């Protein structure tokens, strides 16, 4: 893919300047917006590849910005926020965010998240349907080349990371995948923050796979070890 364009949505000028300087130093193209309204306008007019979005904006909550952008765009959204509770992360991910970075964060972690996101976008654009199979497990169907998953013939609204997670588990049905193995495959590394993020993503993914109390359990947790995709009859 061409050199990616990154949009930084942050009302705190020092933080915004730090992120802009970091992106410029590493030769990324970037745009900045201090408000949610301006961010929405820039996404629609400049079509960036990645958006770093602060939730605490002066004119509207970042969750609302995510929902508005998601109504027409699949741009990758990485939330940056001082809100560190799992509930806040789940709300952002459910709204359509692809990743969540808690403040304060290091420049190295910011760049690592960006590299992984761009690598994933590049793989999606060059795969060309290399894996042409369709996975079926009970009422769950995953169309790998189309990048879609269905439950009871209804398409699941999954974020890119959720889709990558479900594909990784599906391709290893019956096997227990460790936290380290999963985070290495999803984020390209295995830091403590990644394992914490994995737990949050698994919560949101489970909610979508098991919308009702009597729904079959697809994903089994092995406490302290990892997760396994169960074979459902």
C-alpha atoms as a PDB file:
ATOM      1  CA  UNK A   1       0.000   0.000   0.000  1.00  0.00           C
ATOM      2  CA  UNK A   2       1.050   3.633  -0.428  1.00  0.00           C
ATOM      3  CA  UNK A   3       2.443   5.620   2.476  1.00  0.00           C
ATOM      4  CA  UNK A   4      -0.406   5.561   5.037  1.00  0.00           C
ATOM      5  CA  UNK A   5      -2.126   8.711   6.248  1.00  0.00           C
ATOM      6  CA  UNK A   6      -2.693   8.992  10.013  1.00  0.00           C
ATOM      7  CA  UNK A   7      -5.260  11.297  11.625  1.00  0.00           C
ATOM      8  CA  UNK A   8      -4.541  12.380  15.221  1.00  0.00           C
ATOM      9  CA  UNK A   9      -7.665  13.507  17.093  1.00  0.00           C
ATOM     10  CA  UNK A  10      -6.538  15.037  20.386  1.00  0.00           C
ATOM     11  CA  UNK A  11      -7.569  18.282  22.105  1.00  0.00           C
ATOM     12  CA  UNK A  12      -4.551  18.389  24.452  1.00  0.00           C
ATOM     13  CA  UNK A  13      -2.037  20.463  22.455  1.00  0.00           C
ATOM     14  CA  UNK A  14       1.163  19.054  24.064  1.00  0.00           C
ATOM     15  CA  UNK A  15       0.018  15.456  23.483  1.00  0.00           C
ATOM     16  CA  UNK A  16      -1.108  16.287  19.945  1.00  0.00           C
ATOM     17  CA  UNK A  17       2.244  17.933  19.204  1.00  0.00           C
ATOM     18  CA  UNK A  18       4.161  14.961  20.627  1.00  0.00           C
ATOM     19  CA  UNK A  19       2.235  12.544  18.437  1.00  0.00           C
ATOM     20  CA  UNK A  20       2.611  14.760  15.370  1.00  0.00           C
ATOM     21  CA  UNK A  21       6.346  15.134  15.916  1.00  0.00           C
ATOM     22  CA  UNK A  22       6.699  11.366  16.391  1.00  0.00           C
ATOM     23  CA  UNK A  23       4.830  10.662  13.156  1.00  0.00           C
ATOM     24  CA  UNK A  24       6.819  13.292  11.258  1.00  0.00           C
ATOM     25  CA  UNK A  25      10.135  11.929  12.583  1.00  0.00           C
ATOM     26  CA  UNK A  26       9.207   8.457  11.333  1.00  0.00           C
ATOM     27  CA  UNK A  27       8.068   9.843   7.968  1.00  0.00           C
ATOM     28  CA  UNK A  28       4.348   9.204   8.280  1.00  0.00           C
ATOM     29  CA  UNK A  29       1.851  11.476   6.587  1.00  0.00           C
ATOM     30  CA  UNK A  30      -0.494  12.907   9.206  1.00  0.00           C
ATOM     31  CA  UNK A  31      -3.430  15.213   9.879  1.00  0.00           C
ATOM     32  CA  UNK A  32      -4.573  16.631  13.229  1.00  0.00           C
ATOM     33  CA  UNK A  33      -7.940  17.602  14.681  1.00  0.00           C
ATOM     34  CA  UNK A  34      -8.670  19.050  18.156  1.00  0.00           C
ATOM     35  CA  UNK A  35     -12.424  18.319  18.074  1.00  0.00           C
ATOM     36  CA  UNK A  36     -14.764  15.499  17.155  1.00  0.00           C
ATOM     37  CA  UNK A  37     -16.578  17.573  14.535  1.00  0.00           C
ATOM     38  CA  UNK A  38     -13.328  18.393  12.733  1.00  0.00           C
ATOM     39  CA  UNK A  39     -12.242  14.742  12.967  1.00  0.00           C
ATOM     40  CA  UNK A  40     -15.435  13.551  11.257  1.00  0.00           C
ATOM     41  CA  UNK A  41     -14.963  16.147   8.490  1.00  0.00           C
ATOM     42  CA  UNK A  42     -11.328  15.091   7.918  1.00  0.00           C
ATOM     43  CA  UNK A  43     -12.223  11.387   7.773  1.00  0.00           C
ATOM     44  CA  UNK A  44     -14.861  12.090   5.128  1.00  0.00           C
ATOM     45  CA  UNK A  45     -12.692  14.482   3.085  1.00  0.00           C
ATOM     46  CA  UNK A  46      -9.201  12.904   3.366  1.00  0.00           C
ATOM     47  CA  UNK A  47      -9.986   9.203   3.913  1.00  0.00           C
ATOM     48  CA  UNK A  48      -7.058   8.483   6.293  1.00  0.00           C
ATOM     49  CA  UNK A  49      -5.838   4.917   6.823  1.00  0.00           C
ATOM     50  CA  UNK A  50      -5.589   5.080  10.623  1.00  0.00           C
ATOM     51  CA  UNK A  51      -7.200   7.338  13.232  1.00  0.00           C
ATOM     52  CA  UNK A  52      -5.777   7.870  16.728  1.00  0.00           C
ATOM     53  CA  UNK A  53      -8.804   9.079  18.684  1.00  0.00           C
ATOM     54  CA  UNK A  54      -8.909  10.582  22.182  1.00  0.00           C
ATOM     55  CA  UNK A  55     -12.247   9.935  23.909  1.00  0.00           C
ATOM     56  CA  UNK A  56     -12.264  13.127  25.998  1.00  0.00           C
ATOM     57  CA  UNK A  57     -12.932  15.739  23.316  1.00  0.00           C
ATOM     58  CA  UNK A  58     -14.373  19.201  24.080  1.00  0.00           C
ATOM     59  CA  UNK A  59     -17.364  19.092  21.723  1.00  0.00           C
ATOM     60  CA  UNK A  60     -18.521  15.447  21.832  1.00  0.00           C
ATOM     61  CA  UNK A  61     -17.589  12.151  23.422  1.00  0.00           C
ATOM     62  CA  UNK A  62     -15.156  10.033  21.423  1.00  0.00           C
ATOM     63  CA  UNK A  63     -17.615   7.106  21.481  1.00  0.00           C
ATOM     64  CA  UNK A  64     -20.056   9.237  19.504  1.00  0.00           C
ATOM     65  CA  UNK A  65     -17.275  10.079  17.025  1.00  0.00           C
ATOM     66  CA  UNK A  66     -16.587   6.351  16.535  1.00  0.00           C
ATOM     67  CA  UNK A  67     -20.266   5.605  15.904  1.00  0.00           C
ATOM     68  CA  UNK A  68     -20.617   8.443  13.409  1.00  0.00           C
ATOM     69  CA  UNK A  69     -17.489   7.399  11.491  1.00  0.00           C
ATOM     70  CA  UNK A  70     -18.541   3.735  11.533  1.00  0.00           C
ATOM     71  CA  UNK A  71     -21.845   4.638   9.856  1.00  0.00           C
ATOM     72  CA  UNK A  72     -19.948   5.013   6.574  1.00  0.00           C
ATOM     73  CA  UNK A  73     -16.249   4.172   7.015  1.00  0.00           C
ATOM     74  CA  UNK A  74     -14.133   1.120   7.971  1.00  0.00           C
ATOM     75  CA  UNK A  75     -11.022   3.210   8.719  1.00  0.00           C
ATOM     76  CA  UNK A  76      -8.884   1.676  11.481  1.00  0.00           C
ATOM     77  CA  UNK A  77      -9.554   3.502  14.767  1.00  0.00           C
ATOM     78  CA  UNK A  78      -7.104   3.263  17.666  1.00  0.00           C
ATOM     79  CA  UNK A  79      -8.522   4.855  20.814  1.00  0.00           C
ATOM     80  CA  UNK A  80      -6.106   6.751  23.066  1.00  0.00           C
ATOM     81  CA  UNK A  81      -7.612   7.522  26.436  1.00  0.00           C
ATOM     82  CA  UNK A  82      -6.948   7.993  30.139  1.00  0.00           C
ATOM     83  CA  UNK A  83     -10.016   5.837  30.796  1.00  0.00           C
ATOM     84  CA  UNK A  84      -8.463   2.517  31.778  1.00  0.00           C
ATOM     85  CA  UNK A  85     -11.435   0.504  33.061  1.00  0.00           C
ATOM     86  CA  UNK A  86     -12.430  -2.588  31.092  1.00  0.00           C
ATOM     87  CA  UNK A  87     -15.985  -1.226  30.770  1.00  0.00           C
ATOM     88  CA  UNK A  88     -14.694   1.859  28.937  1.00  0.00           C
ATOM     89  CA  UNK A  89     -12.602  -0.303  26.606  1.00  0.00           C
ATOM     90  CA  UNK A  90     -15.530  -2.607  25.883  1.00  0.00           C
ATOM     91  CA  UNK A  91     -17.811   0.360  25.129  1.00  0.00           C
ATOM     92  CA  UNK A  92     -15.266   1.763  22.659  1.00  0.00           C
ATOM     93  CA  UNK A  93     -14.684  -1.614  20.997  1.00  0.00           C
ATOM     94  CA  UNK A  94     -18.417  -2.308  20.775  1.00  0.00           C
ATOM     95  CA  UNK A  95     -18.864   1.090  19.103  1.00  0.00           C
ATOM     96  CA  UNK A  96     -16.359   0.029  16.427  1.00  0.00           C
ATOM     97  CA  UNK A  97     -12.846   0.858  17.644  1.00  0.00           C
ATOM     98  CA  UNK A  98     -10.116  -1.546  16.493  1.00  0.00           C
ATOM     99  CA  UNK A  99      -7.621  -1.077  19.328  1.00  0.00           C
ATOM    100  CA  UNK A 100      -7.285   0.755  22.650  1.00  0.00           C
ATOM    101  CA  UNK A 101      -4.187   2.492  23.986  1.00  0.00           C
ATOM    102  CA  UNK A 102      -4.288   3.741  27.589  1.00  0.00           C
ATOM    103  CA  UNK A 103      -2.645   7.010  28.611  1.00  0.00           C
ATOM    104  CA  UNK A 104       0.081   7.560  29.537  1.00  0.00           C
ATOM    105  CA  UNK A 105       1.708   5.597  26.723  1.00  0.00           C
ATOM    106  CA  UNK A 106       5.245   5.468  25.400  1.00  0.00           C
ATOM    107  CA  UNK A 107       6.217   6.636  21.926  1.00  0.00           C
ATOM    108  CA  UNK A 108       7.505   3.111  21.263  1.00  0.00           C
ATOM    109  CA  UNK A 109       4.122   1.566  22.056  1.00  0.00           C
ATOM    110  CA  UNK A 110       2.309   4.142  19.924  1.00  0.00           C
ATOM    111  CA  UNK A 111       4.522   3.306  16.947  1.00  0.00           C
ATOM    112  CA  UNK A 112       4.215  -0.446  17.589  1.00  0.00           C
ATOM    113  CA  UNK A 113       0.399  -0.257  17.520  1.00  0.00           C
ATOM    114  CA  UNK A 114       0.570   1.788  14.344  1.00  0.00           C
ATOM    115  CA  UNK A 115       2.958  -0.652  12.626  1.00  0.00           C
ATOM    116  CA  UNK A 116       0.756  -3.637  13.468  1.00  0.00           C
ATOM    117  CA  UNK A 117      -2.353  -1.855  12.176  1.00  0.00           C
ATOM    118  CA  UNK A 118      -0.646  -0.863   8.931  1.00  0.00           C
ATOM    119  CA  UNK A 119       0.758  -4.382   8.490  1.00  0.00           C
ATOM    120  CA  UNK A 120      -2.746  -5.799   8.918  1.00  0.00           C
ATOM    121  CA  UNK A 121      -4.145  -3.334   6.357  1.00  0.00           C
ATOM    122  CA  UNK A 122      -1.370  -4.250   3.930  1.00  0.00           C
ATOM    123  CA  UNK A 123      -2.056  -7.971   4.345  1.00  0.00           C
ATOM    124  CA  UNK A 124      -5.774  -7.413   3.766  1.00  0.00           C
ATOM    125  CA  UNK A 125      -5.059  -5.531   0.531  1.00  0.00           C
ATOM    126  CA  UNK A 126      -2.607  -8.108  -0.843  1.00  0.00           C
ATOM    127  CA  UNK A 127      -4.114 -11.421   0.304  1.00  0.00           C
ATOM    128  CA  UNK A 128      -6.252 -11.674  -2.809  1.00  0.00           C
ATOM    129  CA  UNK A 129      -8.196 -14.548  -1.290  1.00  0.00           C
ATOM    130  CA  UNK A 130      -5.248 -16.867  -0.798  1.00  0.00           C
ATOM    131  CA  UNK A 131      -7.320 -18.878   1.669  1.00  0.00           C
ATOM    132  CA  UNK A 132     -10.482 -19.775  -0.256  1.00  0.00           C
ATOM    133  CA  UNK A 133     -12.069 -22.007   2.384  1.00  0.00           C
ATOM    134  CA  UNK A 134     -15.220 -21.430   4.380  1.00  0.00           C
ATOM    135  CA  UNK A 135     -15.278 -22.537   8.024  1.00  0.00           C
ATOM    136  CA  UNK A 136     -18.438 -23.983   9.574  1.00  0.00           C
ATOM    137  CA  UNK A 137     -18.988 -24.803  13.231  1.00  0.00           C
ATOM    138  CA  UNK A 138     -22.605 -25.281  14.248  1.00  0.00           C
ATOM    139  CA  UNK A 139     -24.425 -22.096  13.249  1.00  0.00           C
ATOM    140  CA  UNK A 140     -21.144 -20.182  12.937  1.00  0.00           C
ATOM    141  CA  UNK A 141     -19.742 -19.645   9.446  1.00  0.00           C
ATOM    142  CA  UNK A 142     -16.540 -17.774   8.560  1.00  0.00           C
ATOM    143  CA  UNK A 143     -15.825 -16.801   4.960  1.00  0.00           C
ATOM    144  CA  UNK A 144     -12.058 -16.255   5.141  1.00  0.00           C
ATOM    145  CA  UNK A 145     -11.448 -14.619   1.731  1.00  0.00           C
ATOM    146  CA  UNK A 146     -14.503 -12.364   2.052  1.00  0.00           C
ATOM    147  CA  UNK A 147     -13.502 -11.316   5.575  1.00  0.00           C
ATOM    148  CA  UNK A 148     -16.973 -12.021   6.976  1.00  0.00           C
ATOM    149  CA  UNK A 149     -18.398 -14.153   9.769  1.00  0.00           C
ATOM    150  CA  UNK A 150     -22.029 -15.206  10.181  1.00  0.00           C
ATOM    151  CA  UNK A 151     -24.101 -16.561  13.062  1.00  0.00           C
ATOM    152  CA  UNK A 152     -27.516 -18.043  12.219  1.00  0.00           C
ATOM    153  CA  UNK A 153     -26.953 -16.676   8.675  1.00  0.00           C
ATOM    154  CA  UNK A 154     -26.725 -13.106  10.022  1.00  0.00           C
ATOM    155  CA  UNK A 155     -23.452 -11.256   9.496  1.00  0.00           C
ATOM    156  CA  UNK A 156     -21.548 -10.467  12.674  1.00  0.00           C
ATOM    157  CA  UNK A 157     -20.362  -6.880  13.020  1.00  0.00           C
ATOM    158  CA  UNK A 158     -16.752  -7.624  13.927  1.00  0.00           C
ATOM    159  CA  UNK A 159     -13.836  -5.213  14.174  1.00  0.00           C
ATOM    160  CA  UNK A 160     -10.692  -6.196  12.227  1.00  0.00           C
ATOM    161  CA  UNK A 161      -8.989  -7.502  15.377  1.00  0.00           C
ATOM    162  CA  UNK A 162     -12.093  -9.471  16.411  1.00  0.00           C
ATOM    163  CA  UNK A 163     -12.204 -11.049  12.955  1.00  0.00           C
ATOM    164  CA  UNK A 164      -8.522 -11.894  13.116  1.00  0.00           C
ATOM    165  CA  UNK A 165      -9.057 -13.458  16.559  1.00  0.00           C
ATOM    166  CA  UNK A 166     -11.989 -15.590  15.481  1.00  0.00           C
ATOM    167  CA  UNK A 167     -10.072 -16.768  12.393  1.00  0.00           C
ATOM    168  CA  UNK A 168      -7.036 -17.718  14.485  1.00  0.00           C
ATOM    169  CA  UNK A 169      -9.195 -19.686  16.927  1.00  0.00           C
ATOM    170  CA  UNK A 170     -11.249 -21.288  14.142  1.00  0.00           C
ATOM    171  CA  UNK A 171      -8.172 -22.496  12.256  1.00  0.00           C
ATOM    172  CA  UNK A 172      -7.050 -24.170  15.496  1.00  0.00           C
ATOM    173  CA  UNK A 173     -10.420 -25.592  16.613  1.00  0.00           C
ATOM    174  CA  UNK A 174      -9.975 -27.916  19.558  1.00  0.00           C
ATOM    175  CA  UNK A 175      -6.530 -26.583  20.441  1.00  0.00           C
ATOM    176  CA  UNK A 176      -5.770 -24.414  23.463  1.00  0.00           C
ATOM    177  CA  UNK A 177      -3.945 -21.295  22.236  1.00  0.00           C
ATOM    178  CA  UNK A 178      -1.862 -19.553  24.877  1.00  0.00           C
ATOM    179  CA  UNK A 179      -2.084 -15.821  25.564  1.00  0.00           C
ATOM    180  CA  UNK A 180       1.449 -15.423  24.218  1.00  0.00           C
ATOM    181  CA  UNK A 181       0.689 -17.323  20.998  1.00  0.00           C
ATOM    182  CA  UNK A 182      -2.458 -15.291  20.346  1.00  0.00           C
ATOM    183  CA  UNK A 183      -0.915 -11.886  21.070  1.00  0.00           C
ATOM    184  CA  UNK A 184       2.140 -12.716  18.962  1.00  0.00           C
ATOM    185  CA  UNK A 185      -0.161 -13.551  16.038  1.00  0.00           C
ATOM    186  CA  UNK A 186      -2.501 -10.586  16.515  1.00  0.00           C
ATOM    187  CA  UNK A 187      -0.136  -7.786  17.580  1.00  0.00           C
ATOM    188  CA  UNK A 188       3.238  -9.210  16.615  1.00  0.00           C
ATOM    189  CA  UNK A 189       4.460  -9.127  20.213  1.00  0.00           C
ATOM    190  CA  UNK A 190       3.373 -10.174  23.712  1.00  0.00           C
ATOM    191  CA  UNK A 191       3.482  -7.364  26.238  1.00  0.00           C
ATOM    192  CA  UNK A 192       1.430  -7.235  29.463  1.00  0.00           C
ATOM    193  CA  UNK A 193      -0.752  -4.532  27.896  1.00  0.00           C
ATOM    194  CA  UNK A 194      -1.461  -6.800  24.917  1.00  0.00           C
ATOM    195  CA  UNK A 195      -2.650  -9.627  27.164  1.00  0.00           C
ATOM    196  CA  UNK A 196      -4.921  -7.150  29.000  1.00  0.00           C
ATOM    197  CA  UNK A 197      -6.266  -5.954  25.639  1.00  0.00           C
ATOM    198  CA  UNK A 198      -6.789  -9.556  24.535  1.00  0.00           C
ATOM    199  CA  UNK A 199      -9.034 -10.176  27.535  1.00  0.00           C
ATOM    200  CA  UNK A 200     -11.182  -7.175  26.597  1.00  0.00           C
ATOM    201  CA  UNK A 201     -11.413  -8.229  22.939  1.00  0.00           C
ATOM    202  CA  UNK A 202     -12.457 -11.735  23.979  1.00  0.00           C
ATOM    203  CA  UNK A 203     -15.275 -10.265  26.091  1.00  0.00           C
ATOM    204  CA  UNK A 204     -16.639  -8.275  23.133  1.00  0.00           C
ATOM    205  CA  UNK A 205     -16.198 -11.207  20.737  1.00  0.00           C
ATOM    206  CA  UNK A 206     -18.027 -13.561  23.098  1.00  0.00           C
ATOM    207  CA  UNK A 207     -20.940 -11.126  23.417  1.00  0.00           C
ATOM    208  CA  UNK A 208     -21.359 -11.231  19.643  1.00  0.00           C
ATOM    209  CA  UNK A 209     -21.014 -15.027  19.413  1.00  0.00           C
ATOM    210  CA  UNK A 210     -23.294 -15.709  22.370  1.00  0.00           C
ATOM    211  CA  UNK A 211     -26.035 -13.049  22.251  1.00  0.00           C
ATOM    212  CA  UNK A 212     -28.451 -15.198  24.300  1.00  0.00           C
ATOM    213  CA  UNK A 213     -27.959 -17.113  27.582  1.00  0.00           C
ATOM    214  CA  UNK A 214     -28.833 -20.429  25.916  1.00  0.00           C
ATOM    215  CA  UNK A 215     -26.478 -19.879  22.948  1.00  0.00           C
ATOM    216  CA  UNK A 216     -23.829 -22.581  22.515  1.00  0.00           C
ATOM    217  CA  UNK A 217     -20.398 -21.767  23.861  1.00  0.00           C
ATOM    218  CA  UNK A 218     -17.876 -21.419  21.028  1.00  0.00           C
ATOM    219  CA  UNK A 219     -14.891 -20.055  22.952  1.00  0.00           C
ATOM    220  CA  UNK A 220     -13.643 -21.713  26.114  1.00  0.00           C
ATOM    221  CA  UNK A 221     -11.372 -19.905  28.584  1.00  0.00           C
ATOM    222  CA  UNK A 222      -8.463 -21.754  30.142  1.00  0.00           C
ATOM    223  CA  UNK A 223      -7.666 -19.557  33.137  1.00  0.00           C
ATOM    224  CA  UNK A 224      -4.066 -18.400  33.192  1.00  0.00           C
ATOM    225  CA  UNK A 225      -3.321 -20.171  29.907  1.00  0.00           C
ATOM    226  CA  UNK A 226      -5.424 -18.996  26.965  1.00  0.00           C
ATOM    227  CA  UNK A 227      -8.490 -19.802  24.857  1.00  0.00           C
ATOM    228  CA  UNK A 228      -9.886 -22.623  22.721  1.00  0.00           C
ATOM    229  CA  UNK A 229     -12.487 -22.784  19.957  1.00  0.00           C
ATOM    230  CA  UNK A 230     -14.841 -25.655  20.761  1.00  0.00           C
ATOM    231  CA  UNK A 231     -16.392 -27.859  18.099  1.00  0.00           C
ATOM    232  CA  UNK A 232     -20.155 -27.290  18.245  1.00  0.00           C
ATOM    233  CA  UNK A 233     -22.477 -29.948  16.845  1.00  0.00           C
END
